[in-house]
Amino acid sequence: MVIFGGFFWLIRASRKSDEYQFLLGFCAPGVIWAIYAFIIGGSIAPAASLAFIPILIFLSAQGIHRRFMPVVGTIVVCLALFSSAFMLRQSGVMRGMWAAIASEMNVASRDMPATEGGGFLVAENADQASILAVYFKTRTQTSYPPVFVTESPAISSQFGLWPSYADFIDSDKIADEYFTEQKGENPFIGRNALFLGSELPQTIKGAFAEIRPLRQIQLPNGPQLTVFLCLDYQTLPL
C-alpha cells in the first residue's frame, strides 16, 4: 500500500514539478511490474524493491527545500542503477539455473525408450514449461508447444489455448470400439514422456502405464525437482 499510495501522490506532484516527473520515470516501471505480478498472483518482491526506495525518498522529500532536490535526484539515480544491476544479476542466476535444468532433462531423455513419433516433455506448471521451451525449440513447424503442461480442463494460462498431448484430432479411426462417440485419434497414445515437477500429479499418474523417477535436481533456493520417466501414454480414464 505504501508503494501504490506513494506512486499515486507522485503522479499528482509530477504535474507541477519537473523533479517529480523525473522521479516518476524511475518509479513507473517497477510499480507497473508490481501491479502485474499482484494481478497474476506472483511475487511482487523484486518489483517492489525497484520502486520502493525512490517512492520512499519522494515521501520523505516533501519537507526538503528545493535546493536539495538535485541531491535527492542524484541519490535516486544511484539507487535505481543499483537496483537494476541487482535485478540483472538475479536474472543471470535464474538463466543459469534453468539452463542447467534443461541440460539435466536432455541427459534424462537418453534413458527414454524410443517410440513411434518420439517422446515429449511435460512440466509441472506454465512457468516451468515456458522457460524450458526456450531450450527445447522444435526445428520443424508444428502446432504443438516444445514443452507441455499437465492436462487440465481449466484454462489457467496460454497453454490452455494451445494444442495439448491430451487432445484428439479429427480422423476416421475410432480410438475405442466401445466408445464410438469420440471421432478421432490421439497421436501421442503409446508414446513416452519426461515429466518435471516437485511432485507427481494424478493427471500424470493415471495417464501412463508406468512411471519411475530418473533424476533429482536440487535448486539453489532450496526446493527440489524430479525428472520422471513416463512410459506408454494412454490418456486419462473417462
Protein backbone atom coordinates (compact mmCIF):
# COMPACT_ATOMS: atom_id res chain seq x y z
CA MET A 1 0.00 0.00 0.00
CA VAL A 2 2.91 2.36 0.68
CA ILE A 3 4.19 1.79 -2.85
CA PHE A 4 0.82 2.28 -4.56
CA GLY A 5 -0.13 5.25 -2.34
CA GLY A 6 3.22 6.95 -2.84
CA PHE A 7 3.03 6.35 -6.59
CA PHE A 8 -0.43 7.96 -6.70
CA TRP A 9 0.75 11.09 -4.92
CA LEU A 10 3.88 11.16 -7.08
CA ILE A 11 1.68 11.28 -10.19
CA ARG A 12 -0.18 14.26 -8.77
CA ALA A 13 3.03 16.06 -7.81
CA SER A 14 4.62 15.43 -11.21
CA ARG A 15 2.03 17.72 -12.82
CA LYS A 16 3.60 20.71 -11.04
CA SER A 17 7.28 19.81 -10.82
CA ASP A 18 9.90 18.65 -13.30
CA GLU A 19 11.82 16.97 -10.49
CA TYR A 20 8.87 14.76 -9.65
CA GLN A 21 8.37 13.93 -13.33
CA PHE A 22 11.97 12.77 -13.39
CA LEU A 23 11.38 10.66 -10.26
CA LEU A 24 8.14 9.28 -11.71
CA GLY A 25 10.05 7.98 -14.73
CA PHE A 26 12.23 5.85 -12.46
CA CYS A 27 9.36 4.55 -10.33
CA ALA A 28 6.79 3.77 -13.03
CA PRO A 29 8.40 0.57 -14.46
CA GLY A 30 8.77 -1.02 -11.02
CA VAL A 31 5.24 -0.11 -9.93
CA ILE A 32 3.67 -1.36 -13.17
CA TRP A 33 5.65 -4.57 -12.81
CA ALA A 34 4.46 -4.93 -9.19
CA ILE A 35 0.81 -4.38 -10.21
CA TYR A 36 1.10 -7.00 -12.94
CA ALA A 37 2.73 -9.51 -10.56
CA PHE A 38 -0.01 -8.86 -7.99
CA ILE A 39 -2.79 -9.43 -10.56
CA ILE A 40 -1.38 -12.77 -11.76
CA GLY A 41 -0.67 -13.92 -8.20
CA GLY A 42 3.12 -13.80 -8.47
CA SER A 43 5.70 -12.37 -6.10
CA ILE A 44 5.88 -8.57 -6.06
CA ALA A 45 9.13 -8.51 -4.04
CA PRO A 46 11.52 -7.96 -7.00
CA ALA A 47 9.36 -5.21 -8.48
CA ALA A 48 8.73 -3.64 -5.08
CA SER A 49 12.46 -3.40 -4.41
CA LEU A 50 12.85 -1.49 -7.68
CA ALA A 51 10.09 1.00 -6.91
CA PHE A 52 10.06 1.32 -3.11
CA ILE A 53 13.27 3.28 -2.50
CA PRO A 54 12.56 6.11 -4.97
CA ILE A 55 8.99 6.43 -3.68
CA LEU A 56 10.23 6.44 -0.09
CA ILE A 57 12.61 9.26 -0.95
CA PHE A 58 9.73 11.14 -2.56
CA LEU A 59 7.58 10.80 0.57
CA SER A 60 10.40 12.00 2.80
CA ALA A 61 11.34 14.81 0.43
CA GLN A 62 8.07 16.69 0.85
CA GLY A 63 9.64 18.88 3.52
CA ILE A 64 13.02 19.23 1.78
CA HIS A 65 13.89 22.62 0.33
CA ARG A 66 14.08 22.90 -3.47
CA ARG A 67 17.84 23.45 -3.43
CA PHE A 68 18.31 19.93 -2.04
CA MET A 69 16.26 18.29 -4.78
CA PRO A 70 19.26 17.80 -7.17
CA VAL A 71 20.96 15.86 -4.37
CA VAL A 72 17.83 13.77 -3.88
CA GLY A 73 17.65 13.18 -7.63
CA THR A 74 21.26 12.00 -7.68
CA ILE A 75 20.55 9.58 -4.85
CA VAL A 76 17.52 8.25 -6.68
CA VAL A 77 19.53 7.70 -9.86
CA CYS A 78 22.24 5.82 -7.93
CA LEU A 79 19.68 3.66 -6.14
CA ALA A 80 17.85 2.93 -9.38
CA LEU A 81 21.10 1.90 -11.08
CA PHE A 82 21.97 -0.30 -8.12
CA SER A 83 18.53 -1.92 -8.17
CA SER A 84 18.77 -2.50 -11.92
CA ALA A 85 22.21 -4.11 -11.56
CA PHE A 86 20.88 -6.35 -8.78
CA MET A 87 17.91 -7.45 -10.86
CA LEU A 88 20.13 -8.14 -13.88
CA ARG A 89 22.37 -10.27 -11.70
CA GLN A 90 19.38 -12.21 -10.36
CA SER A 91 18.13 -12.69 -13.91
CA GLY A 92 21.51 -14.11 -14.90
CA VAL A 93 21.43 -16.53 -11.97
CA MET A 94 17.96 -17.73 -12.97
CA ARG A 95 19.00 -18.20 -16.60
CA GLY A 96 21.98 -20.25 -15.50
CA MET A 97 19.80 -22.39 -13.22
CA TRP A 98 17.26 -23.17 -15.94
CA ALA A 99 19.98 -23.86 -18.47
CA ALA A 100 21.33 -26.47 -16.03
CA ILE A 101 17.84 -27.96 -15.56
CA ALA A 102 17.37 -28.15 -19.34
CA SER A 103 20.72 -29.93 -19.56
CA GLU A 104 19.55 -32.46 -16.94
CA MET A 105 16.36 -33.03 -18.93
CA ASN A 106 18.39 -33.56 -22.08
CA VAL A 107 20.56 -36.16 -20.33
CA ALA A 108 17.47 -37.88 -18.92
CA SER A 109 15.95 -38.08 -22.40
CA ARG A 110 18.68 -40.56 -23.35
CA ASP A 111 17.12 -43.05 -20.92
CA MET A 112 13.69 -42.66 -22.56
CA PRO A 113 12.92 -45.67 -24.79
CA ALA A 114 12.25 -44.68 -28.39
CA THR A 115 8.68 -44.85 -29.67
CA GLU A 116 6.99 -44.07 -32.96
CA GLY A 117 6.51 -40.32 -33.14
CA GLY A 118 9.16 -39.67 -30.48
CA GLY A 119 8.89 -38.72 -26.82
CA PHE A 120 7.58 -35.48 -25.37
CA LEU A 121 8.19 -33.23 -22.35
CA VAL A 122 5.72 -32.16 -19.66
CA ALA A 123 6.34 -29.57 -16.92
CA GLU A 124 4.56 -29.07 -13.63
CA ASN A 125 3.23 -25.60 -14.42
CA ALA A 126 3.10 -22.96 -17.14
CA ASP A 127 6.10 -21.00 -15.82
CA GLN A 128 8.36 -24.05 -15.96
CA ALA A 129 7.06 -25.08 -19.38
CA SER A 130 7.60 -21.59 -20.80
CA ILE A 131 11.19 -21.41 -19.56
CA LEU A 132 12.10 -24.93 -20.70
CA ALA A 133 10.55 -24.24 -24.12
CA VAL A 134 13.34 -21.73 -24.74
CA TYR A 135 15.89 -24.55 -24.54
CA PHE A 136 13.82 -27.13 -26.43
CA LYS A 137 12.73 -25.26 -29.54
CA THR A 138 11.39 -27.52 -32.27
CA ARG A 139 13.25 -27.50 -35.57
CA THR A 140 10.16 -28.18 -37.66
CA GLN A 141 6.91 -26.27 -37.92
CA THR A 142 4.32 -27.74 -35.57
CA SER A 143 1.17 -26.60 -33.79
CA TYR A 144 2.35 -28.21 -30.54
CA PRO A 145 4.47 -26.31 -27.98
CA PRO A 146 8.00 -27.65 -27.30
CA VAL A 147 7.05 -28.41 -23.67
CA PHE A 148 3.53 -29.21 -22.39
CA VAL A 149 1.83 -28.61 -19.07
CA THR A 150 -0.20 -31.35 -17.39
CA GLU A 151 -3.63 -31.80 -18.95
CA SER A 152 -6.47 -29.88 -17.32
CA PRO A 153 -9.97 -28.74 -18.35
CA ALA A 154 -9.28 -25.30 -16.86
CA ILE A 155 -7.70 -22.52 -18.93
CA SER A 156 -5.28 -21.10 -16.38
CA SER A 157 -2.58 -19.98 -18.83
CA GLN A 158 -1.85 -19.62 -22.54
CA PHE A 159 -1.21 -23.38 -22.65
CA GLY A 160 -4.93 -23.93 -22.20
CA LEU A 161 -5.44 -22.35 -25.64
CA TRP A 162 -2.74 -24.33 -27.42
CA PRO A 163 -2.88 -27.94 -28.67
CA SER A 164 -2.10 -30.48 -25.94
CA TYR A 165 -0.86 -34.05 -25.86
CA ALA A 166 -4.28 -34.95 -24.43
CA ASP A 167 -6.22 -33.65 -27.46
CA PHE A 168 -7.81 -35.85 -30.09
CA ILE A 169 -7.59 -34.79 -33.72
CA ASP A 170 -10.12 -35.43 -36.47
CA SER A 171 -9.68 -38.84 -38.01
CA ASP A 172 -11.75 -41.66 -39.48
CA LYS A 173 -10.14 -44.03 -36.99
CA ILE A 174 -12.09 -44.98 -33.86
CA ALA A 175 -9.84 -44.94 -30.81
CA ASP A 176 -12.14 -47.22 -28.80
CA GLU A 177 -14.63 -49.61 -30.37
CA TYR A 178 -16.83 -49.32 -27.25
CA PHE A 179 -16.76 -45.52 -27.33
CA THR A 180 -17.83 -44.55 -30.82
CA GLU A 181 -18.91 -41.02 -29.83
CA GLN A 182 -15.27 -39.97 -29.98
CA LYS A 183 -14.44 -39.43 -33.66
CA GLY A 184 -10.69 -39.10 -33.96
CA GLU A 185 -7.38 -40.24 -32.60
CA ASN A 186 -4.67 -39.04 -30.25
CA PRO A 187 -1.22 -39.15 -31.92
CA PHE A 188 0.52 -39.27 -28.52
CA ILE A 189 -1.01 -42.57 -27.39
CA GLY A 190 1.72 -45.14 -26.81
CA ARG A 191 4.49 -42.56 -26.64
CA ASN A 192 6.84 -41.96 -23.69
CA ALA A 193 7.45 -38.69 -21.88
CA LEU A 194 9.57 -36.92 -19.29
CA PHE A 195 7.78 -35.05 -16.53
CA LEU A 196 9.50 -32.32 -14.49
CA GLY A 197 7.99 -31.30 -11.16
CA SER A 198 8.26 -31.20 -7.39
CA GLU A 199 5.65 -33.95 -7.07
CA LEU A 200 3.75 -36.33 -9.33
CA PRO A 201 0.17 -35.15 -10.03
CA GLN A 202 -2.73 -37.56 -10.51
CA THR A 203 -3.17 -36.36 -14.10
CA ILE A 204 0.23 -37.89 -14.86
CA LYS A 205 -0.13 -41.00 -12.67
CA GLY A 206 -3.41 -42.00 -14.29
CA ALA A 207 -2.38 -41.35 -17.89
CA PHE A 208 0.73 -43.54 -18.24
CA ALA A 209 1.19 -47.29 -17.91
CA GLU A 210 4.40 -46.96 -15.87
CA ILE A 211 6.21 -44.10 -14.12
CA ARG A 212 9.57 -44.04 -12.36
CA PRO A 213 11.88 -41.27 -11.13
CA LEU A 214 15.05 -40.72 -13.14
CA ARG A 215 16.94 -37.74 -11.71
CA GLN A 216 16.80 -35.36 -8.75
CA ILE A 217 17.58 -31.68 -9.34
CA GLN A 218 18.42 -29.55 -6.31
CA LEU A 219 17.63 -25.87 -6.85
CA PRO A 220 19.88 -23.16 -5.35
CA ASN A 221 16.98 -21.60 -3.41
CA GLY A 222 16.08 -24.84 -1.64
CA PRO A 223 13.29 -26.74 -3.47
CA GLN A 224 13.99 -29.97 -5.29
CA LEU A 225 12.65 -31.04 -8.68
CA THR A 226 12.41 -34.58 -10.01
CA VAL A 227 12.53 -35.81 -13.59
CA PHE A 228 10.12 -38.75 -14.02
CA LEU A 229 10.18 -41.22 -16.87
CA CYS A 230 6.60 -41.83 -18.01
CA LEU A 231 6.05 -44.84 -20.26
CA ASP A 232 3.20 -45.64 -22.67
CA TYR A 233 0.78 -42.72 -22.62
CA GLN A 234 -2.85 -43.95 -22.64
CA THR A 235 -4.81 -40.75 -21.76
CA LEU A 236 -6.74 -40.32 -18.52
CA PRO A 237 -9.60 -42.78 -17.93
CA LEU A 238 -13.07 -41.33 -18.56
